Amino acid sequence: DEKEEGENQDGSDNKNQAINILYQICDRFSKVASELIDYRYSKKNRTTITMDDEYDAQDLFRALLHLFFDEVIPEEYSPSYAGGKSRIDFNLPNENIIIELKFANDKLRDKEIGEQLVIDNTRYEGKKDWKTLFCFVYDPNREIRNSNTLKRQLEAVHEKLIVVISN
């Protein structure tokens, strides 16, 4: 087994680089979305995209992932948990990272997002080919009351979980 230059035996350099890229995508996501939504610059005052729900956010996020990652697998089914199945929003198999995107709204705030992420983390533990669950919470309307506390509490309980909340 030959490792690539700059990569540790466990692949941690690649994983760290991938995590840094994900942070950059999340950090700039709102700006990119705003630029695409803002139709002042488009011809004939037409809307280029909308960002009305989680599916819209996933579409943009997936496109941004393709700028940096060779293999992005969208909506892959996860192992069943408590009699139910769900889909992983994105899987980066080469980096062993799965990504969940949550779109905060008036019905999906701190408590509900926290509960969903705890369930997601437990559900995905049955998936052998991942080492990190990266969760991006897009909060364009500032529905999350205490994002720092939510992030800290979730990451403290689940060592494989990284939470990024952006508005």
N, C-alpha and C. Protein backbone atom coordinates (compact mmCIF):
# COMPACT_ATOMS: atom_id res chain seq x y z
N ASP A 1 0.82 -1.19 0.00
CA ASP A 1 0.00 0.00 0.00
C ASP A 1 0.86 1.25 0.00
N GLU A 2 0.89 1.94 -1.11
CA GLU A 2 1.64 3.19 -1.16
C GLU A 2 0.70 4.32 -0.81
N LYS A 3 1.16 5.20 0.09
CA LYS A 3 0.35 6.35 0.42
C LYS A 3 0.78 7.52 -0.46
N GLU A 4 -0.18 8.40 -0.74
CA GLU A 4 0.13 9.57 -1.55
C GLU A 4 1.00 10.52 -0.75
N GLU A 5 1.76 11.34 -1.49
CA GLU A 5 2.64 12.30 -0.84
C GLU A 5 1.81 13.22 0.06
N GLY A 6 2.27 13.44 1.30
CA GLY A 6 1.58 14.32 2.23
C GLY A 6 0.44 13.65 2.98
N GLU A 7 0.23 12.38 2.77
CA GLU A 7 -0.88 11.70 3.44
C GLU A 7 -0.34 10.79 4.53
N ASN A 8 -0.94 10.85 5.69
CA ASN A 8 -0.60 9.94 6.77
C ASN A 8 -1.15 8.56 6.46
N GLN A 9 -0.66 7.55 7.16
CA GLN A 9 -1.11 6.17 6.95
C GLN A 9 -2.63 6.05 7.08
N ASP A 10 -3.22 6.81 8.01
CA ASP A 10 -4.66 6.71 8.23
C ASP A 10 -5.47 7.66 7.34
N GLY A 11 -4.80 8.38 6.43
CA GLY A 11 -5.50 9.30 5.53
C GLY A 11 -5.94 10.59 6.19
N SER A 12 -5.40 10.90 7.36
CA SER A 12 -5.87 12.05 8.12
C SER A 12 -5.58 13.38 7.42
N ASP A 13 -4.49 13.47 6.65
CA ASP A 13 -4.21 14.71 5.93
C ASP A 13 -5.30 14.99 4.90
N ASN A 14 -5.70 13.97 4.14
CA ASN A 14 -6.78 14.14 3.17
C ASN A 14 -8.08 14.51 3.86
N LYS A 15 -8.37 13.86 4.98
CA LYS A 15 -9.59 14.16 5.72
C LYS A 15 -9.55 15.59 6.24
N ASN A 16 -8.43 16.01 6.81
CA ASN A 16 -8.31 17.37 7.33
C ASN A 16 -8.46 18.40 6.22
N GLN A 17 -7.86 18.12 5.07
CA GLN A 17 -7.99 19.02 3.93
C GLN A 17 -9.45 19.09 3.48
N ALA A 18 -10.12 17.96 3.43
CA ALA A 18 -11.53 17.92 3.04
C ALA A 18 -12.39 18.70 4.03
N ILE A 19 -12.12 18.53 5.31
CA ILE A 19 -12.88 19.27 6.35
C ILE A 19 -12.67 20.77 6.18
N ASN A 20 -11.44 21.18 5.91
CA ASN A 20 -11.16 22.61 5.70
C ASN A 20 -11.92 23.15 4.49
N ILE A 21 -12.00 22.36 3.43
CA ILE A 21 -12.76 22.77 2.25
C ILE A 21 -14.24 22.89 2.58
N LEU A 22 -14.76 21.93 3.35
CA LEU A 22 -16.17 22.00 3.74
C LEU A 22 -16.46 23.24 4.57
N TYR A 23 -15.55 23.57 5.47
CA TYR A 23 -15.70 24.81 6.25
C TYR A 23 -15.75 26.02 5.32
N GLN A 24 -14.90 26.06 4.31
CA GLN A 24 -14.89 27.18 3.37
C GLN A 24 -16.20 27.27 2.59
N ILE A 25 -16.69 26.13 2.14
CA ILE A 25 -17.96 26.11 1.42
C ILE A 25 -19.07 26.66 2.32
N CYS A 26 -19.12 26.19 3.55
CA CYS A 26 -20.15 26.64 4.48
C CYS A 26 -20.01 28.13 4.79
N ASP A 27 -18.77 28.56 4.97
CA ASP A 27 -18.52 29.95 5.30
C ASP A 27 -18.98 30.89 4.19
N ARG A 28 -18.87 30.45 2.95
CA ARG A 28 -19.20 31.30 1.81
C ARG A 28 -20.56 30.98 1.20
N PHE A 29 -21.24 29.97 1.73
CA PHE A 29 -22.49 29.51 1.15
C PHE A 29 -23.53 30.62 1.08
N SER A 30 -23.72 31.34 2.17
CA SER A 30 -24.72 32.41 2.20
C SER A 30 -24.42 33.49 1.18
N LYS A 31 -23.15 33.82 1.03
CA LYS A 31 -22.74 34.85 0.06
C LYS A 31 -23.03 34.37 -1.36
N VAL A 32 -22.69 33.13 -1.65
CA VAL A 32 -22.95 32.57 -2.98
C VAL A 32 -24.45 32.54 -3.26
N ALA A 33 -25.22 32.06 -2.29
CA ALA A 33 -26.68 32.01 -2.44
C ALA A 33 -27.24 33.40 -2.68
N SER A 34 -26.78 34.38 -1.91
CA SER A 34 -27.26 35.76 -2.06
C SER A 34 -26.95 36.31 -3.44
N GLU A 35 -25.75 36.03 -3.93
CA GLU A 35 -25.37 36.51 -5.26
C GLU A 35 -26.27 35.91 -6.35
N LEU A 36 -26.61 34.64 -6.20
CA LEU A 36 -27.45 33.99 -7.21
C LEU A 36 -28.91 34.41 -7.10
N ILE A 37 -29.36 34.67 -5.88
CA ILE A 37 -30.75 35.08 -5.66
C ILE A 37 -30.96 36.53 -6.08
N ASP A 38 -29.97 37.36 -5.86
CA ASP A 38 -30.07 38.78 -6.13
C ASP A 38 -30.12 39.02 -7.64
N TYR A 39 -31.28 39.33 -8.15
CA TYR A 39 -31.46 39.43 -9.59
C TYR A 39 -31.13 40.81 -10.14
N ARG A 40 -30.61 41.71 -9.34
CA ARG A 40 -30.26 43.05 -9.83
C ARG A 40 -29.23 42.97 -10.95
N TYR A 41 -28.40 41.95 -10.92
CA TYR A 41 -27.33 41.84 -11.90
C TYR A 41 -27.71 41.00 -13.11
N SER A 42 -28.83 40.34 -13.04
CA SER A 42 -29.22 39.50 -14.18
C SER A 42 -30.07 40.31 -15.16
N LYS A 43 -30.07 39.86 -16.38
CA LYS A 43 -30.82 40.58 -17.42
C LYS A 43 -32.32 40.41 -17.21
N LYS A 44 -33.05 41.44 -17.51
CA LYS A 44 -34.52 41.42 -17.48
C LYS A 44 -35.07 41.11 -16.09
N ASN A 45 -34.30 41.43 -15.05
CA ASN A 45 -34.77 41.25 -13.66
C ASN A 45 -35.37 39.86 -13.41
N ARG A 46 -34.72 38.85 -13.90
CA ARG A 46 -35.21 37.48 -13.67
C ARG A 46 -34.47 36.85 -12.49
N THR A 47 -35.14 36.01 -11.77
CA THR A 47 -34.54 35.30 -10.66
C THR A 47 -33.71 34.15 -11.20
N THR A 48 -32.48 34.02 -10.71
CA THR A 48 -31.64 32.93 -11.18
C THR A 48 -31.90 31.65 -10.40
N ILE A 49 -31.99 31.75 -9.09
CA ILE A 49 -32.37 30.60 -8.27
C ILE A 49 -33.18 31.10 -7.08
N THR A 50 -33.86 30.17 -6.43
CA THR A 50 -34.54 30.49 -5.18
C THR A 50 -33.91 29.64 -4.10
N MET A 51 -34.06 30.07 -2.88
CA MET A 51 -33.53 29.33 -1.73
C MET A 51 -34.67 29.24 -0.72
N ASP A 52 -35.70 28.49 -1.12
CA ASP A 52 -36.92 28.42 -0.32
C ASP A 52 -36.95 27.28 0.68
N ASP A 53 -36.17 26.22 0.42
CA ASP A 53 -36.25 25.07 1.32
C ASP A 53 -34.94 24.28 1.28
N GLU A 54 -34.93 23.17 2.00
CA GLU A 54 -33.72 22.35 2.11
C GLU A 54 -33.28 21.79 0.77
N TYR A 55 -34.23 21.46 -0.11
CA TYR A 55 -33.87 20.91 -1.41
C TYR A 55 -33.11 21.94 -2.26
N ASP A 56 -33.54 23.21 -2.19
CA ASP A 56 -32.82 24.26 -2.92
C ASP A 56 -31.40 24.40 -2.39
N ALA A 57 -31.27 24.39 -1.07
CA ALA A 57 -29.94 24.51 -0.45
C ALA A 57 -29.07 23.30 -0.81
N GLN A 58 -29.65 22.11 -0.84
CA GLN A 58 -28.90 20.91 -1.21
C GLN A 58 -28.41 20.99 -2.65
N ASP A 59 -29.23 21.51 -3.55
CA ASP A 59 -28.82 21.63 -4.95
C ASP A 59 -27.58 22.51 -5.08
N LEU A 60 -27.60 23.66 -4.42
CA LEU A 60 -26.46 24.58 -4.48
C LEU A 60 -25.24 23.96 -3.80
N PHE A 61 -25.44 23.33 -2.64
CA PHE A 61 -24.34 22.73 -1.90
C PHE A 61 -23.67 21.63 -2.71
N ARG A 62 -24.49 20.80 -3.37
CA ARG A 62 -23.95 19.71 -4.20
C ARG A 62 -23.10 20.28 -5.33
N ALA A 63 -23.57 21.34 -5.97
CA ALA A 63 -22.80 21.96 -7.05
C ALA A 63 -21.46 22.48 -6.53
N LEU A 64 -21.46 23.07 -5.35
CA LEU A 64 -20.21 23.57 -4.77
C LEU A 64 -19.27 22.43 -4.39
N LEU A 65 -19.82 21.32 -3.91
CA LEU A 65 -18.98 20.16 -3.58
C LEU A 65 -18.22 19.66 -4.81
N HIS A 66 -18.88 19.69 -5.96
CA HIS A 66 -18.24 19.19 -7.19
C HIS A 66 -17.04 20.03 -7.62
N LEU A 67 -16.93 21.24 -7.11
CA LEU A 67 -15.75 22.05 -7.42
C LEU A 67 -14.49 21.46 -6.79
N PHE A 68 -14.63 20.74 -5.67
CA PHE A 68 -13.48 20.31 -4.89
C PHE A 68 -13.33 18.80 -4.74
N PHE A 69 -14.40 18.05 -4.94
CA PHE A 69 -14.35 16.61 -4.68
C PHE A 69 -14.70 15.83 -5.94
N ASP A 70 -13.90 14.79 -6.20
CA ASP A 70 -14.09 13.98 -7.40
C ASP A 70 -15.36 13.14 -7.34
N GLU A 71 -15.67 12.62 -6.18
CA GLU A 71 -16.83 11.74 -6.05
C GLU A 71 -17.76 12.27 -4.97
N VAL A 72 -18.95 12.68 -5.39
CA VAL A 72 -19.99 13.17 -4.49
C VAL A 72 -21.22 12.32 -4.75
N ILE A 73 -21.61 11.53 -3.76
CA ILE A 73 -22.77 10.66 -3.92
C ILE A 73 -23.94 11.30 -3.18
N PRO A 74 -24.98 11.74 -3.90
CA PRO A 74 -26.12 12.36 -3.24
C PRO A 74 -27.16 11.33 -2.81
N GLU A 75 -27.86 11.65 -1.74
CA GLU A 75 -29.02 10.90 -1.26
C GLU A 75 -28.85 9.40 -1.29
N GLU A 76 -27.93 8.93 -0.50
CA GLU A 76 -27.68 7.50 -0.37
C GLU A 76 -28.43 7.01 0.87
N TYR A 77 -29.10 5.87 0.75
CA TYR A 77 -29.85 5.33 1.89
C TYR A 77 -28.90 4.87 2.98
N SER A 78 -29.27 5.16 4.22
CA SER A 78 -28.49 4.74 5.37
C SER A 78 -29.11 3.49 5.97
N PRO A 79 -28.37 2.81 6.87
CA PRO A 79 -28.95 1.64 7.54
C PRO A 79 -30.19 2.03 8.32
N SER A 80 -31.13 1.10 8.46
CA SER A 80 -32.36 1.41 9.19
C SER A 80 -32.04 1.61 10.67
N TYR A 81 -32.86 2.42 11.30
CA TYR A 81 -32.71 2.72 12.72
C TYR A 81 -34.10 2.90 13.29
N ALA A 82 -34.41 2.16 14.34
CA ALA A 82 -35.72 2.22 15.00
C ALA A 82 -36.85 2.03 13.99
N GLY A 83 -36.64 1.11 13.06
CA GLY A 83 -37.68 0.76 12.10
C GLY A 83 -37.79 1.70 10.91
N GLY A 84 -36.94 2.72 10.84
CA GLY A 84 -37.05 3.66 9.73
C GLY A 84 -35.73 3.79 9.00
N LYS A 85 -35.84 4.23 7.76
CA LYS A 85 -34.65 4.48 6.94
C LYS A 85 -34.63 5.96 6.59
N SER A 86 -33.46 6.44 6.35
CA SER A 86 -33.35 7.81 5.86
C SER A 86 -32.25 7.85 4.82
N ARG A 87 -32.09 9.01 4.23
CA ARG A 87 -31.06 9.18 3.22
C ARG A 87 -29.99 10.13 3.71
N ILE A 88 -28.76 9.76 3.44
CA ILE A 88 -27.63 10.64 3.71
C ILE A 88 -27.65 11.67 2.59
N ASP A 89 -27.55 12.95 2.93
CA ASP A 89 -27.61 13.98 1.89
C ASP A 89 -26.46 13.85 0.91
N PHE A 90 -25.23 13.73 1.43
CA PHE A 90 -24.06 13.59 0.56
C PHE A 90 -23.05 12.66 1.21
N ASN A 91 -22.41 11.87 0.38
CA ASN A 91 -21.35 10.99 0.83
C ASN A 91 -20.11 11.32 0.01
N LEU A 92 -19.02 11.60 0.71
CA LEU A 92 -17.72 11.78 0.06
C LEU A 92 -16.90 10.53 0.38
N PRO A 93 -17.05 9.48 -0.42
CA PRO A 93 -16.44 8.19 -0.07
C PRO A 93 -14.92 8.21 -0.03
N ASN A 94 -14.28 9.00 -0.86
CA ASN A 94 -12.82 9.05 -0.86
C ASN A 94 -12.27 9.67 0.41
N GLU A 95 -13.09 10.50 1.07
CA GLU A 95 -12.66 11.19 2.28
C GLU A 95 -13.28 10.58 3.53
N ASN A 96 -14.17 9.60 3.37
CA ASN A 96 -14.90 8.95 4.48
C ASN A 96 -15.70 9.95 5.29
N ILE A 97 -16.36 10.87 4.58
CA ILE A 97 -17.16 11.91 5.22
C ILE A 97 -18.57 11.83 4.66
N ILE A 98 -19.56 11.85 5.55
CA ILE A 98 -20.93 12.00 5.10
C ILE A 98 -21.42 13.37 5.57
N ILE A 99 -22.30 13.94 4.78
CA ILE A 99 -22.74 15.32 5.03
C ILE A 99 -24.25 15.36 5.14
N GLU A 100 -24.73 16.02 6.17
CA GLU A 100 -26.14 16.30 6.34
C GLU A 100 -26.32 17.80 6.23
N LEU A 101 -27.31 18.22 5.49
CA LEU A 101 -27.64 19.63 5.39
C LEU A 101 -29.02 19.84 5.99
N LYS A 102 -29.13 20.78 6.89
CA LYS A 102 -30.41 21.14 7.50
C LYS A 102 -30.71 22.57 7.13
N PHE A 103 -31.96 22.86 6.85
CA PHE A 103 -32.40 24.20 6.50
C PHE A 103 -33.30 24.68 7.64
N ALA A 104 -32.77 25.56 8.46
CA ALA A 104 -33.54 26.05 9.60
C ALA A 104 -34.72 26.88 9.11
N ASN A 105 -35.84 26.69 9.78
CA ASN A 105 -37.03 27.48 9.47
C ASN A 105 -37.89 27.56 10.73
N ASP A 106 -39.08 28.10 10.61
CA ASP A 106 -39.90 28.29 11.81
C ASP A 106 -40.34 26.97 12.44
N LYS A 107 -40.23 25.87 11.73
CA LYS A 107 -40.58 24.55 12.29
C LYS A 107 -39.36 23.69 12.60
N LEU A 108 -38.19 24.14 12.17
CA LEU A 108 -36.96 23.39 12.39
C LEU A 108 -35.93 24.33 13.01
N ARG A 109 -35.94 24.36 14.34
CA ARG A 109 -35.05 25.26 15.08
C ARG A 109 -34.11 24.43 15.93
N ASP A 110 -33.50 25.07 16.92
CA ASP A 110 -32.47 24.45 17.77
C ASP A 110 -32.84 23.04 18.23
N LYS A 111 -33.94 22.93 18.93
CA LYS A 111 -34.33 21.65 19.53
C LYS A 111 -34.52 20.56 18.47
N GLU A 112 -35.28 20.89 17.44
CA GLU A 112 -35.58 19.91 16.40
C GLU A 112 -34.32 19.52 15.62
N ILE A 113 -33.50 20.49 15.31
CA ILE A 113 -32.25 20.19 14.60
C ILE A 113 -31.36 19.32 15.47
N GLY A 114 -31.24 19.66 16.74
CA GLY A 114 -30.45 18.86 17.67
C GLY A 114 -30.94 17.42 17.73
N GLU A 115 -32.25 17.26 17.86
CA GLU A 115 -32.82 15.91 17.92
C GLU A 115 -32.55 15.14 16.63
N GLN A 116 -32.74 15.79 15.48
CA GLN A 116 -32.49 15.11 14.21
C GLN A 116 -31.03 14.69 14.07
N LEU A 117 -30.11 15.56 14.50
CA LEU A 117 -28.69 15.23 14.37
C LEU A 117 -28.27 14.10 15.29
N VAL A 118 -28.86 14.03 16.48
CA VAL A 118 -28.57 12.91 17.38
C VAL A 118 -29.03 11.61 16.73
N ILE A 119 -30.22 11.62 16.16
CA ILE A 119 -30.74 10.43 15.47
C ILE A 119 -29.88 10.10 14.25
N ASP A 120 -29.55 11.13 13.46
CA ASP A 120 -28.71 10.90 12.27
C ASP A 120 -27.38 10.28 12.67
N ASN A 121 -26.75 10.83 13.68
CA ASN A 121 -25.45 10.32 14.11
C ASN A 121 -25.55 8.86 14.53
N THR A 122 -26.58 8.52 15.28
CA THR A 122 -26.79 7.14 15.72
C THR A 122 -27.08 6.24 14.52
N ARG A 123 -27.90 6.72 13.63
CA ARG A 123 -28.28 5.94 12.44
C ARG A 123 -27.06 5.65 11.57
N TYR A 124 -26.20 6.63 11.39
CA TYR A 124 -25.08 6.47 10.48
C TYR A 124 -23.93 5.69 11.08
N GLU A 125 -23.95 5.48 12.38
CA GLU A 125 -22.89 4.68 13.00
C GLU A 125 -22.84 3.27 12.41
N GLY A 126 -23.94 2.80 11.87
CA GLY A 126 -23.97 1.48 11.24
C GLY A 126 -23.32 1.46 9.86
N LYS A 127 -22.98 2.62 9.36
CA LYS A 127 -22.33 2.72 8.05
C LYS A 127 -20.83 2.67 8.25
N LYS A 128 -20.20 1.63 7.76
CA LYS A 128 -18.80 1.35 8.07
C LYS A 128 -17.80 2.25 7.37
N ASP A 129 -18.19 2.83 6.25
CA ASP A 129 -17.20 3.55 5.44
C ASP A 129 -17.15 5.06 5.72
N TRP A 130 -17.54 5.49 6.91
CA TRP A 130 -17.43 6.91 7.22
C TRP A 130 -16.71 7.11 8.55
N LYS A 131 -16.03 8.22 8.62
CA LYS A 131 -15.32 8.57 9.85
C LYS A 131 -15.82 9.88 10.44
N THR A 132 -16.52 10.68 9.63
CA THR A 132 -17.00 11.97 10.09
C THR A 132 -18.39 12.25 9.53
N LEU A 133 -19.27 12.74 10.39
CA LEU A 133 -20.56 13.28 9.96
C LEU A 133 -20.43 14.79 10.05
N PHE A 134 -20.47 15.43 8.90
CA PHE A 134 -20.35 16.89 8.82
C PHE A 134 -21.75 17.43 8.59
N CYS A 135 -22.22 18.24 9.49
CA CYS A 135 -23.57 18.79 9.36
C CYS A 135 -23.50 20.29 9.13
N PHE A 136 -24.13 20.72 8.05
CA PHE A 136 -24.24 22.13 7.74
C PHE A 136 -25.68 22.56 7.97
N VAL A 137 -25.87 23.51 8.86
CA VAL A 137 -27.19 24.06 9.13
C VAL A 137 -27.24 25.44 8.46
N TYR A 138 -28.04 25.54 7.43
CA TYR A 138 -28.22 26.81 6.73
C TYR A 138 -29.39 27.53 7.40
N ASP A 139 -29.12 28.70 7.93
CA ASP A 139 -30.11 29.44 8.72
C ASP A 139 -30.26 30.86 8.19
N PRO A 140 -30.83 31.01 6.97
CA PRO A 140 -30.87 32.33 6.35
C PRO A 140 -31.76 33.33 7.08
N ASN A 141 -32.74 32.86 7.83
CA ASN A 141 -33.66 33.76 8.53
C ASN A 141 -33.39 33.85 10.03
N ARG A 142 -32.23 33.35 10.43
CA ARG A 142 -31.79 33.42 11.84
C ARG A 142 -32.83 32.82 12.80
N GLU A 143 -33.20 31.60 12.49
CA GLU A 143 -34.16 30.86 13.33
C GLU A 143 -33.49 30.22 14.54
N ILE A 144 -32.21 29.89 14.41
CA ILE A 144 -31.49 29.25 15.51
C ILE A 144 -31.19 30.31 16.56
N ARG A 145 -31.65 30.06 17.78
CA ARG A 145 -31.50 31.05 18.85
C ARG A 145 -30.09 31.08 19.43
N ASN A 146 -29.49 29.92 19.59
CA ASN A 146 -28.18 29.87 20.21
C ASN A 146 -27.30 28.87 19.48
N SER A 147 -26.75 29.29 18.37
CA SER A 147 -26.00 28.37 17.50
C SER A 147 -24.73 27.85 18.16
N ASN A 148 -24.04 28.68 18.93
CA ASN A 148 -22.80 28.22 19.57
C ASN A 148 -23.07 27.11 20.59
N THR A 149 -24.13 27.26 21.37
CA THR A 149 -24.49 26.24 22.36
C THR A 149 -24.91 24.95 21.67
N LEU A 150 -25.73 25.06 20.63
CA LEU A 150 -26.17 23.87 19.89
C LEU A 150 -24.97 23.12 19.33
N LYS A 151 -24.06 23.83 18.69
CA LYS A 151 -22.86 23.22 18.11
C LYS A 151 -22.02 22.54 19.19
N ARG A 152 -21.75 23.26 20.27
CA ARG A 152 -20.90 22.74 21.35
C ARG A 152 -21.51 21.49 21.98
N GLN A 153 -22.80 21.52 22.26
CA GLN A 153 -23.45 20.37 22.91
C GLN A 153 -23.45 19.14 22.00
N LEU A 154 -23.76 19.32 20.73
CA LEU A 154 -23.79 18.19 19.81
C LEU A 154 -22.41 17.59 19.60
N GLU A 155 -21.41 18.44 19.41
CA GLU A 155 -20.06 17.94 19.17
C GLU A 155 -19.45 17.32 20.42
N ALA A 156 -19.86 17.75 21.61
CA ALA A 156 -19.33 17.19 22.85
C ALA A 156 -19.81 15.76 23.06
N VAL A 157 -21.01 15.48 22.61
CA VAL A 157 -21.60 14.15 22.83
C VAL A 157 -21.17 13.16 21.75
N HIS A 158 -20.93 13.66 20.55
CA HIS A 158 -20.64 12.79 19.41
C HIS A 158 -19.29 13.18 18.81
N GLU A 159 -18.30 12.36 19.04
CA GLU A 159 -16.93 12.70 18.62
C GLU A 159 -16.74 12.73 17.11
N LYS A 160 -17.57 12.05 16.35
CA LYS A 160 -17.43 12.03 14.89
C LYS A 160 -18.26 13.11 14.21
N LEU A 161 -18.90 13.98 14.99
CA LEU A 161 -19.83 14.97 14.45
C LEU A 161 -19.19 16.35 14.42
N ILE A 162 -19.28 17.01 13.28
CA ILE A 162 -18.86 18.40 13.12
C ILE A 162 -20.10 19.17 12.70
N VAL A 163 -20.42 20.26 13.40
CA VAL A 163 -21.60 21.05 13.10
C VAL A 163 -21.18 22.45 12.70
N VAL A 164 -21.69 22.93 11.57
CA VAL A 164 -21.44 24.30 11.12
C VAL A 164 -22.82 24.94 10.90
N ILE A 165 -23.02 26.09 11.52
CA ILE A 165 -24.29 26.81 11.38
C ILE A 165 -23.99 28.15 10.72
N SER A 166 -24.67 28.43 9.62
CA SER A 166 -24.40 29.64 8.85
C SER A 166 -25.71 30.32 8.50
N ASN A 167 -25.68 31.65 8.49
CA ASN A 167 -26.91 32.36 8.06
C ASN A 167 -26.62 33.32 6.95
